[in-house]
Amino acid sequence: MDVDHDAPRVVVGRIAGVFGVQGWVKVVSETDPPEGILGYSPWRLGLDQQSWRVREGKRHGKGLIVRLEGCADRDQAAELVGREISVPRDQLPPPAPDEFYWIDLEGLTVETVDGVALGVVDHLFATGANDVVVVRGERERLLPFVWGEVIQEVDLEQRRMRVDWDPTF
């Protein structure tokens, strides 16, 4: 299968280890529920984005184990350890209203409700309390992704996020 390197991709997990001697791998899933990752195929693994089809997978302890087509033994599985698992963005279901995939927010222009430009969404990360938006402009700002309090509007068509934030902070 050809790889479309220009298609937006979303990281949904990573290969964490090997399981047994028949090519199974341990997978850490970023999907909710974790088994949701098994519904996406093919997976693109690592920087080379090599395509792998999911043959079978199941829960094992607190994680998942997966058998990939073409991965027949422990040595082949060991070569995949540490690689990120990504899938095309268009394979993901549409988000619920007022929910967003992080990849869709990256690159948005961020401005205050008063129209002051703060920069562009560089990336997001999760904390225990809430997600955090990293905005890069004349300096870096960390904004809590709290809908209705800090985040006032996300307009994906206009590629803009409006926030209630003091530009001097």
Protein backbone atom coordinates (compact mmCIF):
# COMPACT_ATOMS: atom_id res chain seq x y z
CA MET A 1 0.00 0.00 0.00
CA ASP A 2 1.32 3.46 -0.88
CA VAL A 3 1.89 5.98 1.89
CA ASP A 4 0.42 9.45 1.46
CA HIS A 5 2.99 11.43 3.44
CA ASP A 6 1.01 14.66 2.97
CA ALA A 7 -2.23 13.38 4.51
CA PRO A 8 -2.77 14.63 8.07
CA ARG A 9 -2.04 11.85 10.52
CA VAL A 10 -2.95 11.41 14.17
CA VAL A 11 -0.84 9.50 16.67
CA VAL A 12 -3.11 7.00 18.43
CA GLY A 13 -0.57 4.94 20.36
CA ARG A 14 2.86 3.32 20.34
CA ILE A 15 4.46 -0.10 20.31
CA ALA A 16 5.71 -0.65 23.87
CA GLY A 17 7.22 -4.12 23.74
CA VAL A 18 7.07 -7.66 22.43
CA PHE A 19 4.78 -10.42 23.64
CA GLY A 20 5.69 -14.06 23.16
CA VAL A 21 7.57 -15.52 20.22
CA GLN A 22 4.97 -15.35 17.42
CA GLY A 23 5.29 -11.65 16.51
CA TRP A 24 2.77 -10.14 18.93
CA VAL A 25 3.50 -6.63 20.25
CA LYS A 26 2.40 -4.79 23.37
CA VAL A 27 0.58 -1.57 22.52
CA VAL A 28 -0.08 1.57 24.55
CA SER A 29 -3.28 3.10 23.17
CA GLU A 30 -4.21 6.79 23.30
CA THR A 31 -7.79 6.07 22.20
CA ASP A 32 -10.81 6.03 24.50
CA PRO A 33 -11.62 3.22 25.07
CA PRO A 34 -8.11 1.76 24.59
CA GLU A 35 -9.49 -1.05 22.39
CA GLY A 36 -10.62 1.61 19.91
CA ILE A 37 -7.14 1.54 18.37
CA LEU A 38 -7.88 -1.96 17.06
CA GLY A 39 -10.58 -0.55 14.76
CA TYR A 40 -8.05 1.48 12.78
CA SER A 41 -6.12 -0.24 10.04
CA PRO A 42 -3.70 0.09 8.47
CA TRP A 43 -1.40 1.63 11.04
CA ARG A 44 1.60 3.70 10.01
CA LEU A 45 4.56 3.05 12.28
CA GLY A 46 7.44 5.34 13.12
CA LEU A 47 9.18 7.94 11.04
CA ASP A 48 9.25 5.86 7.86
CA GLN A 49 5.45 5.51 8.11
CA GLN A 50 5.56 1.88 6.98
CA SER A 51 2.04 0.47 6.67
CA TRP A 52 0.94 -2.45 8.88
CA ARG A 53 -2.50 -4.08 8.95
CA VAL A 54 -3.93 -5.21 12.26
CA ARG A 55 -4.52 -8.96 12.09
CA GLU A 56 -5.89 -9.37 15.61
CA GLY A 57 -5.69 -7.76 19.00
CA LYS A 58 -7.04 -8.07 22.51
CA ARG A 59 -6.81 -6.80 26.07
CA HIS A 60 -3.98 -8.24 28.12
CA GLY A 61 -3.63 -7.08 31.71
CA LYS A 62 -3.80 -3.28 31.71
CA GLY A 63 -2.77 -2.98 28.07
CA LEU A 64 -3.29 -4.47 24.64
CA ILE A 65 -1.46 -7.05 22.59
CA VAL A 66 -1.65 -6.98 18.81
CA ARG A 67 -0.59 -9.22 15.95
CA LEU A 68 0.26 -7.37 12.76
CA GLU A 69 0.23 -8.87 9.26
CA GLY A 70 3.78 -9.66 8.20
CA CYS A 71 5.15 -9.70 11.73
CA ALA A 72 5.75 -13.40 12.29
CA ASP A 73 8.32 -13.66 15.07
CA ARG A 74 9.81 -12.01 18.13
CA ASP A 75 12.75 -10.53 16.20
CA GLN A 76 10.47 -8.73 13.74
CA ALA A 77 8.29 -7.51 16.62
CA ALA A 78 11.35 -6.22 18.49
CA GLU A 79 12.22 -3.97 15.52
CA LEU A 80 8.86 -2.18 15.98
CA VAL A 81 9.26 -1.39 19.69
CA GLY A 82 9.16 2.33 20.44
CA ARG A 83 7.48 3.32 17.19
CA GLU A 84 4.46 5.63 17.25
CA ILE A 85 1.24 4.38 15.70
CA SER A 86 -0.56 6.86 13.50
CA VAL A 87 -3.65 6.75 11.30
CA PRO A 88 -5.06 9.15 8.71
CA ARG A 89 -7.08 11.98 10.30
CA ASP A 90 -10.05 11.14 8.09
CA GLN A 91 -10.37 7.69 9.73
CA LEU A 92 -11.34 9.30 13.04
CA PRO A 93 -15.02 9.84 13.83
CA PRO A 94 -16.23 13.44 13.87
CA PRO A 95 -15.83 15.04 17.30
CA ALA A 96 -18.87 15.95 19.37
CA PRO A 97 -19.93 19.63 19.47
CA ASP A 98 -17.39 21.73 21.40
CA GLU A 99 -14.87 18.87 21.27
CA PHE A 100 -11.76 18.95 19.09
CA TYR A 101 -8.92 16.77 18.00
CA TRP A 102 -5.64 18.38 18.98
CA ILE A 103 -4.33 18.06 15.43
CA ASP A 104 -7.21 20.28 14.25
CA LEU A 105 -6.23 23.03 16.74
CA GLU A 106 -2.53 23.09 15.90
CA GLY A 107 -1.72 26.06 13.67
CA LEU A 108 -4.79 28.12 14.61
CA THR A 109 -4.24 31.85 15.10
CA VAL A 110 -4.97 32.82 18.70
CA GLU A 111 -6.39 36.22 19.61
CA THR A 112 -8.03 37.70 22.67
CA VAL A 113 -11.72 38.59 22.73
CA ASP A 114 -10.54 42.19 22.25
CA GLY A 115 -8.71 41.26 19.04
CA VAL A 116 -5.13 41.25 20.36
CA ALA A 117 -3.04 38.66 18.48
CA LEU A 118 -1.20 36.26 20.81
CA GLY A 119 0.33 33.89 18.26
CA VAL A 120 -0.36 30.44 16.87
CA VAL A 121 -1.24 27.14 18.57
CA ASP A 122 2.01 25.18 18.49
CA HIS A 123 0.82 22.09 20.35
CA LEU A 124 -1.24 20.91 23.30
CA PHE A 125 -0.52 18.68 26.26
CA ALA A 126 -2.56 17.05 29.00
CA THR A 127 -2.26 17.74 32.71
CA GLY A 128 -4.23 16.28 35.57
CA ALA A 129 -6.60 19.25 35.73
CA ASN A 130 -7.07 20.21 32.08
CA ASP A 131 -5.38 20.30 28.70
CA VAL A 132 -2.96 23.16 28.00
CA VAL A 133 -2.62 25.08 24.72
CA VAL A 134 0.94 26.18 23.91
CA VAL A 135 0.74 29.44 21.96
CA ARG A 136 3.86 30.75 20.22
CA GLY A 137 4.03 34.40 19.23
CA GLU A 138 6.39 37.12 20.39
CA ARG A 139 6.76 34.78 23.37
CA GLU A 140 5.40 31.43 24.48
CA ARG A 141 2.15 31.32 26.47
CA LEU A 142 0.52 28.35 28.20
CA LEU A 143 -3.27 28.68 28.22
CA PRO A 144 -5.55 26.24 30.01
CA PHE A 145 -8.06 24.70 27.61
CA VAL A 146 -11.11 25.51 29.70
CA TRP A 147 -14.11 25.94 27.44
CA GLY A 148 -16.25 29.00 28.22
CA GLU A 149 -13.75 30.46 30.68
CA VAL A 150 -10.50 30.81 28.73
CA ILE A 151 -11.41 29.34 25.34
CA GLN A 152 -14.32 31.37 24.00
CA GLU A 153 -14.48 30.30 20.37
CA VAL A 154 -12.81 27.89 17.99
CA ASP A 155 -13.45 28.57 14.31
CA LEU A 156 -11.82 25.82 12.28
CA GLU A 157 -12.94 27.32 8.97
CA GLN A 158 -11.32 30.68 9.79
CA ARG A 159 -8.39 28.87 11.51
CA ARG A 160 -8.87 31.05 14.62
CA MET A 161 -9.21 30.59 18.37
CA ARG A 162 -10.56 33.43 20.53
CA VAL A 163 -9.60 33.47 24.18
CA ASP A 164 -10.38 35.45 27.31
CA TRP A 165 -6.77 36.09 28.30
CA ASP A 166 -4.76 39.07 29.49
CA PRO A 167 -2.17 39.66 26.73
CA THR A 168 0.35 40.91 29.31
CA PHE A 169 0.23 37.58 31.14
